[in-house]
Amino acid sequence: VLFVERMVVASAGISFVVGIQHVAQWFD
């Protein structure tokens, strides 16, 4: 159960590409 839950928590790392897109939308 801990293994599965920590795997889901680790998916927070997908946010990297979201921030990349966000910054690209603001800077020249």
PDB file of all heavy atoms in Angstrom:
ATOM      1  N   VAL A   1       0.844  -1.208   0.000  1.00  0.00           N
ATOM      2  CA  VAL A   1       0.000   0.000   0.000  1.00  0.00           C
ATOM      3  C   VAL A   1       0.872   1.248   0.000  1.00  0.00           C
ATOM      4  O   VAL A   1       0.630   2.201  -0.749  1.00  0.00           O
ATOM      5  CB  VAL A   1      -0.948  -0.002   1.207  1.00  0.00           C
ATOM      6  CG1 VAL A   1      -1.650   1.343   1.340  1.00  0.00           C
ATOM      7  CG2 VAL A   1      -1.972  -1.121   1.074  1.00  0.00           C
ATOM      8  N   LEU A   2       1.908   1.264   0.866  1.00  0.00           N
ATOM      9  CA  LEU A   2       2.830   2.398   0.890  1.00  0.00           C
ATOM     10  C   LEU A   2       3.491   2.580  -0.470  1.00  0.00           C
ATOM     11  O   LEU A   2       3.617   3.711  -0.967  1.00  0.00           O
ATOM     12  CB  LEU A   2       3.895   2.175   1.960  1.00  0.00           C
ATOM     13  CG  LEU A   2       4.996   3.248   2.045  1.00  0.00           C
ATOM     14  CD1 LEU A   2       4.409   4.549   2.585  1.00  0.00           C
ATOM     15  CD2 LEU A   2       6.157   2.781   2.917  1.00  0.00           C
ATOM     16  N   PHE A   3       3.886   1.481  -1.086  1.00  0.00           N
ATOM     17  CA  PHE A   3       4.540   1.510  -2.398  1.00  0.00           C
ATOM     18  C   PHE A   3       3.650   2.209  -3.426  1.00  0.00           C
ATOM     19  O   PHE A   3       4.095   3.099  -4.161  1.00  0.00           O
ATOM     20  CB  PHE A   3       4.849   0.082  -2.838  1.00  0.00           C
ATOM     21  CG  PHE A   3       5.582  -0.042  -4.132  1.00  0.00           C
ATOM     22  CD1 PHE A   3       6.967  -0.104  -4.150  1.00  0.00           C
ATOM     23  CD2 PHE A   3       4.909  -0.121  -5.337  1.00  0.00           C
ATOM     24  CE1 PHE A   3       7.661  -0.227  -5.352  1.00  0.00           C
ATOM     25  CE2 PHE A   3       5.581  -0.248  -6.538  1.00  0.00           C
ATOM     26  CZ  PHE A   3       6.966  -0.301  -6.541  1.00  0.00           C
ATOM     27  N   VAL A   4       2.379   1.814  -3.475  1.00  0.00           N
ATOM     28  CA  VAL A   4       1.441   2.403  -4.440  1.00  0.00           C
ATOM     29  C   VAL A   4       1.212   3.884  -4.134  1.00  0.00           C
ATOM     30  O   VAL A   4       1.223   4.730  -5.039  1.00  0.00           O
ATOM     31  CB  VAL A   4       0.107   1.631  -4.435  1.00  0.00           C
ATOM     32  CG1 VAL A   4      -0.929   2.363  -5.295  1.00  0.00           C
ATOM     33  CG2 VAL A   4       0.304   0.216  -4.945  1.00  0.00           C
ATOM     34  N   GLU A   5       1.018   4.199  -2.864  1.00  0.00           N
ATOM     35  CA  GLU A   5       0.764   5.595  -2.488  1.00  0.00           C
ATOM     36  C   GLU A   5       1.967   6.477  -2.807  1.00  0.00           C
ATOM     37  O   GLU A   5       1.803   7.592  -3.324  1.00  0.00           O
ATOM     38  CB  GLU A   5       0.418   5.675  -1.006  1.00  0.00           C
ATOM     39  CG  GLU A   5      -0.950   5.106  -0.671  1.00  0.00           C
ATOM     40  CD  GLU A   5      -1.251   5.122   0.810  1.00  0.00           C
ATOM     41  OE1 GLU A   5      -0.306   5.197   1.622  1.00  0.00           O
ATOM     42  OE2 GLU A   5      -2.453   5.045   1.169  1.00  0.00           O
ATOM     43  N   ARG A   6       3.170   5.991  -2.510  1.00  0.00           N
ATOM     44  CA  ARG A   6       4.356   6.801  -2.803  1.00  0.00           C
ATOM     45  C   ARG A   6       4.586   6.921  -4.311  1.00  0.00           C
ATOM     46  O   ARG A   6       5.145   7.917  -4.780  1.00  0.00           O
ATOM     47  CB  ARG A   6       5.580   6.201  -2.124  1.00  0.00           C
ATOM     48  CG  ARG A   6       5.515   6.177  -0.616  1.00  0.00           C
ATOM     49  CD  ARG A   6       5.116   7.520  -0.025  1.00  0.00           C
ATOM     50  NE  ARG A   6       6.080   8.572  -0.358  1.00  0.00           N
ATOM     51  CZ  ARG A   6       5.897   9.854  -0.092  1.00  0.00           C
ATOM     52  NH1 ARG A   6       4.774  10.274   0.484  1.00  0.00           N
ATOM     53  NH2 ARG A   6       6.819  10.735  -0.403  1.00  0.00           N
ATOM     54  N   MET A   7       4.162   5.941  -5.073  1.00  0.00           N
ATOM     55  CA  MET A   7       4.257   6.042  -6.523  1.00  0.00           C
ATOM     56  C   MET A   7       3.350   7.171  -7.032  1.00  0.00           C
ATOM     57  O   MET A   7       3.733   7.938  -7.925  1.00  0.00           O
ATOM     58  CB  MET A   7       3.875   4.720  -7.176  1.00  0.00           C
ATOM     59  CG  MET A   7       4.027   4.698  -8.690  1.00  0.00           C
ATOM     60  SD  MET A   7       3.817   3.031  -9.372  1.00  0.00           S
ATOM     61  CE  MET A   7       2.129   2.664  -8.891  1.00  0.00           C
ATOM     62  N   VAL A   8       2.171   7.289  -6.444  1.00  0.00           N
ATOM     63  CA  VAL A   8       1.254   8.368  -6.824  1.00  0.00           C
ATOM     64  C   VAL A   8       1.826   9.722  -6.399  1.00  0.00           C
ATOM     65  O   VAL A   8       1.793  10.694  -7.170  1.00  0.00           O
ATOM     66  CB  VAL A   8      -0.135   8.147  -6.199  1.00  0.00           C
ATOM     67  CG1 VAL A   8      -1.042   9.345  -6.467  1.00  0.00           C
ATOM     68  CG2 VAL A   8      -0.765   6.871  -6.741  1.00  0.00           C
ATOM     69  N   VAL A   9       2.371   9.797  -5.197  1.00  0.00           N
ATOM     70  CA  VAL A   9       2.986  11.048  -4.737  1.00  0.00           C
ATOM     71  C   VAL A   9       4.136  11.442  -5.660  1.00  0.00           C
ATOM     72  O   VAL A   9       4.300  12.627  -6.000  1.00  0.00           O
ATOM     73  CB  VAL A   9       3.490  10.905  -3.287  1.00  0.00           C
ATOM     74  CG1 VAL A   9       4.285  12.139  -2.869  1.00  0.00           C
ATOM     75  CG2 VAL A   9       2.325  10.684  -2.336  1.00  0.00           C
ATOM     76  N   ALA A  10       4.928  10.449  -6.078  1.00  0.00           N
ATOM     77  CA  ALA A  10       6.067  10.726  -6.948  1.00  0.00           C
ATOM     78  C   ALA A  10       5.643  11.313  -8.287  1.00  0.00           C
ATOM     79  O   ALA A  10       6.436  11.991  -8.950  1.00  0.00           O
ATOM     80  CB  ALA A  10       6.878   9.451  -7.176  1.00  0.00           C
ATOM     81  N   SER A  11       4.392  11.084  -8.672  1.00  0.00           N
ATOM     82  CA  SER A  11       3.914  11.649  -9.939  1.00  0.00           C
ATOM     83  C   SER A  11       3.841  13.172  -9.880  1.00  0.00           C
ATOM     84  O   SER A  11       3.577  13.821 -10.904  1.00  0.00           O
ATOM     85  CB  SER A  11       2.549  11.064 -10.320  1.00  0.00           C
ATOM     86  OG  SER A  11       1.524  11.557  -9.469  1.00  0.00           O
ATOM     87  N   ALA A  12       4.075  13.769  -8.693  1.00  0.00           N
ATOM     88  CA  ALA A  12       4.183  15.230  -8.618  1.00  0.00           C
ATOM     89  C   ALA A  12       5.254  15.733  -9.561  1.00  0.00           C
ATOM     90  O   ALA A  12       5.219  16.885 -10.009  1.00  0.00           O
ATOM     91  CB  ALA A  12       4.495  15.665  -7.185  1.00  0.00           C
ATOM     92  N   GLY A  13       6.216  14.863  -9.894  1.00  0.00           N
ATOM     93  CA  GLY A  13       7.283  15.247 -10.812  1.00  0.00           C
ATOM     94  C   GLY A  13       6.819  15.556 -12.222  1.00  0.00           C
ATOM     95  O   GLY A  13       7.558  16.174 -12.998  1.00  0.00           O
ATOM     96  N   ILE A  14       5.601  15.166 -12.579  1.00  0.00           N
ATOM     97  CA  ILE A  14       5.109  15.497 -13.920  1.00  0.00           C
ATOM     98  C   ILE A  14       4.894  16.999 -14.060  1.00  0.00           C
ATOM     99  O   ILE A  14       4.772  17.514 -15.174  1.00  0.00           O
ATOM    100  CB  ILE A  14       3.809  14.740 -14.269  1.00  0.00           C
ATOM    101  CG1 ILE A  14       2.620  15.259 -13.442  1.00  0.00           C
ATOM    102  CG2 ILE A  14       4.002  13.242 -14.076  1.00  0.00           C
ATOM    103  CD1 ILE A  14       1.283  14.601 -13.782  1.00  0.00           C
ATOM    104  N   SER A  15       4.858  17.704 -12.927  1.00  0.00           N
ATOM    105  CA  SER A  15       4.608  19.144 -12.956  1.00  0.00           C
ATOM    106  C   SER A  15       5.721  19.926 -13.640  1.00  0.00           C
ATOM    107  O   SER A  15       5.526  21.083 -14.029  1.00  0.00           O
ATOM    108  CB  SER A  15       4.426  19.666 -11.530  1.00  0.00           C
ATOM    109  OG  SER A  15       5.600  19.442 -10.763  1.00  0.00           O
ATOM    110  N   PHE A  16       6.883  19.300 -13.815  1.00  0.00           N
ATOM    111  CA  PHE A  16       7.999  20.004 -14.451  1.00  0.00           C
ATOM    112  C   PHE A  16       7.603  20.601 -15.793  1.00  0.00           C
ATOM    113  O   PHE A  16       7.858  21.779 -16.072  1.00  0.00           O
ATOM    114  CB  PHE A  16       9.179  19.048 -14.642  1.00  0.00           C
ATOM    115  CG  PHE A  16      10.220  19.571 -15.597  1.00  0.00           C
ATOM    116  CD1 PHE A  16      11.091  20.587 -15.218  1.00  0.00           C
ATOM    117  CD2 PHE A  16      10.332  19.064 -16.875  1.00  0.00           C
ATOM    118  CE1 PHE A  16      12.045  21.079 -16.089  1.00  0.00           C
ATOM    119  CE2 PHE A  16      11.279  19.545 -17.755  1.00  0.00           C
ATOM    120  CZ  PHE A  16      12.137  20.553 -17.361  1.00  0.00           C
ATOM    121  N   VAL A  17       6.978  19.799 -16.648  1.00  0.00           N
ATOM    122  CA  VAL A  17       6.652  20.276 -17.990  1.00  0.00           C
ATOM    123  C   VAL A  17       5.570  21.346 -17.948  1.00  0.00           C
ATOM    124  O   VAL A  17       5.479  22.193 -18.845  1.00  0.00           O
ATOM    125  CB  VAL A  17       6.241  19.112 -18.914  1.00  0.00           C
ATOM    126  CG1 VAL A  17       7.383  18.111 -19.044  1.00  0.00           C
ATOM    127  CG2 VAL A  17       4.984  18.402 -18.412  1.00  0.00           C
ATOM    128  N   VAL A  18       4.739  21.317 -16.907  1.00  0.00           N
ATOM    129  CA  VAL A  18       3.716  22.347 -16.756  1.00  0.00           C
ATOM    130  C   VAL A  18       4.381  23.694 -16.488  1.00  0.00           C
ATOM    131  O   VAL A  18       4.020  24.718 -17.071  1.00  0.00           O
ATOM    132  CB  VAL A  18       2.746  21.972 -15.619  1.00  0.00           C
ATOM    133  CG1 VAL A  18       1.673  23.046 -15.457  1.00  0.00           C
ATOM    134  CG2 VAL A  18       2.111  20.611 -15.872  1.00  0.00           C
ATOM    135  N   GLY A  19       5.372  23.691 -15.590  1.00  0.00           N
ATOM    136  CA  GLY A  19       6.099  24.924 -15.308  1.00  0.00           C
ATOM    137  C   GLY A  19       6.905  25.410 -16.500  1.00  0.00           C
ATOM    138  O   GLY A  19       7.008  26.623 -16.741  1.00  0.00           O
ATOM    139  N   ILE A  20       7.491  24.479 -17.251  1.00  0.00           N
ATOM    140  CA  ILE A  20       8.230  24.851 -18.472  1.00  0.00           C
ATOM    141  C   ILE A  20       7.299  25.587 -19.427  1.00  0.00           C
ATOM    142  O   ILE A  20       7.643  26.635 -19.993  1.00  0.00           O
ATOM    143  CB  ILE A  20       8.817  23.596 -19.153  1.00  0.00           C
ATOM    144  CG1 ILE A  20      10.047  23.086 -18.381  1.00  0.00           C
ATOM    145  CG2 ILE A  20       9.183  23.890 -20.608  1.00  0.00           C
ATOM    146  CD1 ILE A  20      11.286  23.943 -18.524  1.00  0.00           C
ATOM    147  N   GLN A  21       6.113  25.051 -19.618  1.00  0.00           N
ATOM    148  CA  GLN A  21       5.134  25.700 -20.491  1.00  0.00           C
ATOM    149  C   GLN A  21       4.734  27.054 -19.946  1.00  0.00           C
ATOM    150  O   GLN A  21       4.623  28.041 -20.691  1.00  0.00           O
ATOM    151  CB  GLN A  21       3.912  24.786 -20.647  1.00  0.00           C
ATOM    152  CG  GLN A  21       2.958  25.205 -21.762  1.00  0.00           C
ATOM    153  CD  GLN A  21       1.842  26.137 -21.302  1.00  0.00           C
ATOM    154  OE1 GLN A  21       1.830  26.616 -20.174  1.00  0.00           O
ATOM    155  NE2 GLN A  21       0.920  26.436 -22.212  1.00  0.00           N
ATOM    156  N   HIS A  22       4.531  27.135 -18.628  1.00  0.00           N
ATOM    157  CA  HIS A  22       4.101  28.382 -18.003  1.00  0.00           C
ATOM    158  C   HIS A  22       5.147  29.485 -18.204  1.00  0.00           C
ATOM    159  O   HIS A  22       4.819  30.616 -18.602  1.00  0.00           O
ATOM    160  CB  HIS A  22       3.858  28.147 -16.511  1.00  0.00           C
ATOM    161  CG  HIS A  22       3.059  29.218 -15.866  1.00  0.00           C
ATOM    162  ND1 HIS A  22       2.804  29.261 -14.518  1.00  0.00           N
ATOM    163  CD2 HIS A  22       2.450  30.329 -16.377  1.00  0.00           C
ATOM    164  CE1 HIS A  22       2.072  30.312 -14.221  1.00  0.00           C
ATOM    165  NE2 HIS A  22       1.849  30.983 -15.333  1.00  0.00           N
ATOM    166  N   VAL A  23       6.407  29.154 -17.935  1.00  0.00           N
ATOM    167  CA  VAL A  23       7.479  30.141 -18.099  1.00  0.00           C
ATOM    168  C   VAL A  23       7.622  30.549 -19.563  1.00  0.00           C
ATOM    169  O   VAL A  23       7.806  31.733 -19.881  1.00  0.00           O
ATOM    170  CB  VAL A  23       8.809  29.575 -17.555  1.00  0.00           C
ATOM    171  CG1 VAL A  23       9.965  30.528 -17.848  1.00  0.00           C
ATOM    172  CG2 VAL A  23       8.705  29.343 -16.052  1.00  0.00           C
ATOM    173  N   ALA A  24       7.525  29.579 -20.478  1.00  0.00           N
ATOM    174  CA  ALA A  24       7.657  29.877 -21.910  1.00  0.00           C
ATOM    175  C   ALA A  24       6.573  30.836 -22.382  1.00  0.00           C
ATOM    176  O   ALA A  24       6.789  31.617 -23.324  1.00  0.00           O
ATOM    177  CB  ALA A  24       7.599  28.585 -22.726  1.00  0.00           C
ATOM    178  N   GLN A  25       5.416  30.798 -21.739  1.00  0.00           N
ATOM    179  CA  GLN A  25       4.303  31.660 -22.125  1.00  0.00           C
ATOM    180  C   GLN A  25       4.467  33.103 -21.638  1.00  0.00           C
ATOM    181  O   GLN A  25       3.683  33.972 -22.011  1.00  0.00           O
ATOM    182  CB  GLN A  25       2.984  31.092 -21.587  1.00  0.00           C
ATOM    183  CG  GLN A  25       2.592  29.746 -22.173  1.00  0.00           C
ATOM    184  CD  GLN A  25       2.220  29.820 -23.636  1.00  0.00           C
ATOM    185  OE1 GLN A  25       3.079  29.807 -24.513  1.00  0.00           O
ATOM    186  NE2 GLN A  25       0.942  29.901 -23.926  1.00  0.00           N
ATOM    187  N   TRP A  26       5.479  33.343 -20.807  1.00  0.00           N
ATOM    188  CA  TRP A  26       5.655  34.673 -20.234  1.00  0.00           C
ATOM    189  C   TRP A  26       6.940  35.375 -20.658  1.00  0.00           C
ATOM    190  O   TRP A  26       7.032  36.606 -20.590  1.00  0.00           O
ATOM    191  CB  TRP A  26       5.615  34.594 -18.703  1.00  0.00           C
ATOM    192  CG  TRP A  26       4.229  34.513 -18.162  1.00  0.00           C
ATOM    193  CD1 TRP A  26       3.494  33.380 -17.935  1.00  0.00           C
ATOM    194  CD2 TRP A  26       3.372  35.596 -17.804  1.00  0.00           C
ATOM    195  NE1 TRP A  26       2.247  33.695 -17.459  1.00  0.00           N
ATOM    196  CE2 TRP A  26       2.145  35.063 -17.357  1.00  0.00           C
ATOM    197  CE3 TRP A  26       3.528  36.984 -17.805  1.00  0.00           C
ATOM    198  CZ2 TRP A  26       1.090  35.845 -16.935  1.00  0.00           C
ATOM    199  CZ3 TRP A  26       2.478  37.769 -17.376  1.00  0.00           C
ATOM    200  CH2 TRP A  26       1.264  37.211 -16.948  1.00  0.00           C
ATOM    201  N   PHE A  27       7.964  34.604 -21.105  1.00  0.00           N
ATOM    202  CA  PHE A  27       9.272  35.199 -21.397  1.00  0.00           C
ATOM    203  C   PHE A  27       9.574  35.164 -22.895  1.00  0.00           C
ATOM    204  O   PHE A  27       9.145  34.260 -23.612  1.00  0.00           O
ATOM    205  CB  PHE A  27      10.374  34.468 -20.617  1.00  0.00           C
ATOM    206  CG  PHE A  27      10.381  34.798 -19.149  1.00  0.00           C
ATOM    207  CD1 PHE A  27       9.517  34.148 -18.274  1.00  0.00           C
ATOM    208  CD2 PHE A  27      11.226  35.772 -18.642  1.00  0.00           C
ATOM    209  CE1 PHE A  27       9.500  34.452 -16.925  1.00  0.00           C
ATOM    210  CE2 PHE A  27      11.216  36.097 -17.289  1.00  0.00           C
ATOM    211  CZ  PHE A  27      10.352  35.430 -16.429  1.00  0.00           C
ATOM    212  N   ASP A  28      10.339  36.164 -23.362  1.00  0.00           N
ATOM    213  CA  ASP A  28      10.676  36.288 -24.772  1.00  0.00           C
ATOM    214  C   ASP A  28      11.862  35.396 -25.140  1.00  0.00           C
ATOM    215  O   ASP A  28      12.611  34.923 -24.280  1.00  0.00           O
ATOM    216  CB  ASP A  28      11.000  37.747 -25.106  1.00  0.00           C
ATOM    217  CG  ASP A  28       9.801  38.661 -24.885  1.00  0.00           C
ATOM    218  OD1 ASP A  28       8.662  38.193 -25.101  1.00  0.00           O
ATOM    219  OD2 ASP A  28       9.998  39.824 -24.478  1.00  0.00           O
TER     220      ASP A  28
END
